[in-house]
Amino acid sequence: MLYFTEAVHLPAGQVGLGLGIAGLLALALGVAVGHLADRHGARGIYAATLVVQALATAGFVLRTASGRSS
């Protein structure tokens, strides 16, 4: 919360709303991913989530790097 309000200069209400939405999505997606893991195996689903996380991180890094050069 402090990072977003002090360093990024977002309003506290906007940060709270974003964190609340993220929490609700995590609850809903946790149930869905758990169901997939029961049906298709936990190892494969975990590997898929790691790939998604890696792609998201790479996208963030590339977006941040391209923003600095302009």
Protein backbone atom coordinates (compact mmCIF):
# COMPACT_ATOMS: atom_id res chain seq x y z
CA MET A 1 0.00 0.00 0.00
CA LEU A 2 2.78 2.42 0.91
CA TYR A 3 4.66 1.72 -2.32
CA PHE A 4 1.63 2.46 -4.47
CA THR A 5 0.64 5.60 -2.57
CA GLU A 6 4.10 7.07 -1.95
CA ALA A 7 6.25 5.93 -4.90
CA VAL A 8 3.67 5.51 -7.66
CA HIS A 9 1.41 8.31 -6.33
CA LEU A 10 -1.89 6.45 -6.67
CA PRO A 11 -4.81 7.45 -4.45
CA ALA A 12 -5.37 5.15 -1.46
CA GLY A 13 -8.93 4.39 -2.59
CA GLN A 14 -7.74 3.23 -5.99
CA VAL A 15 -5.06 1.02 -4.43
CA GLY A 16 -7.58 -0.46 -2.00
CA LEU A 17 -10.04 -1.16 -4.80
CA GLY A 18 -7.34 -2.84 -6.88
CA LEU A 19 -6.15 -4.97 -3.99
CA GLY A 20 -9.73 -5.94 -3.15
CA ILE A 21 -10.45 -6.99 -6.73
CA ALA A 22 -7.19 -8.95 -6.83
CA GLY A 23 -8.15 -10.75 -3.61
CA LEU A 24 -11.59 -11.70 -4.94
CA LEU A 25 -10.08 -12.95 -8.19
CA ALA A 26 -7.52 -15.00 -6.28
CA LEU A 27 -10.29 -16.65 -4.25
CA ALA A 28 -12.32 -17.50 -7.34
CA LEU A 29 -9.38 -18.65 -9.43
CA GLY A 30 -8.01 -20.74 -6.55
CA VAL A 31 -11.16 -22.85 -6.57
CA ALA A 32 -11.10 -23.19 -10.36
CA VAL A 33 -7.42 -24.14 -10.48
CA GLY A 34 -7.94 -26.62 -7.64
CA HIS A 35 -10.72 -28.26 -9.64
CA LEU A 36 -8.44 -28.47 -12.69
CA ALA A 37 -5.69 -29.99 -10.56
CA ASP A 38 -8.11 -32.65 -9.29
CA ARG A 39 -9.13 -33.55 -12.83
CA HIS A 40 -5.81 -33.30 -14.69
CA GLY A 41 -3.10 -33.70 -12.07
CA ALA A 42 -1.46 -31.19 -9.81
CA ARG A 43 2.00 -31.36 -11.40
CA GLY A 44 0.82 -30.33 -14.87
CA ILE A 45 -1.40 -27.53 -13.57
CA TYR A 46 1.43 -26.24 -11.38
CA ALA A 47 3.78 -26.26 -14.39
CA ALA A 48 1.19 -24.36 -16.44
CA THR A 49 0.80 -21.72 -13.71
CA LEU A 50 4.57 -21.31 -13.58
CA VAL A 51 4.64 -20.73 -17.34
CA VAL A 52 1.88 -18.12 -17.04
CA GLN A 53 3.76 -16.43 -14.20
CA ALA A 54 6.99 -16.41 -16.23
CA LEU A 55 5.21 -14.87 -19.23
CA ALA A 56 3.60 -12.21 -17.05
CA THR A 57 6.94 -11.35 -15.45
CA ALA A 58 8.66 -11.19 -18.84
CA GLY A 59 5.91 -8.93 -20.14
CA PHE A 60 6.30 -6.65 -17.14
CA VAL A 61 10.08 -6.50 -17.57
CA LEU A 62 9.82 -5.82 -21.29
CA ARG A 63 7.15 -3.15 -20.74
CA THR A 64 9.23 -1.48 -18.05
CA ALA A 65 12.38 -1.63 -20.18
CA SER A 66 10.63 -0.17 -23.23
CA GLY A 67 9.14 2.62 -21.10
CA ARG A 68 12.57 3.74 -19.93
CA SER A 69 14.08 3.99 -23.39
CA SER A 70 11.47 6.44 -24.68
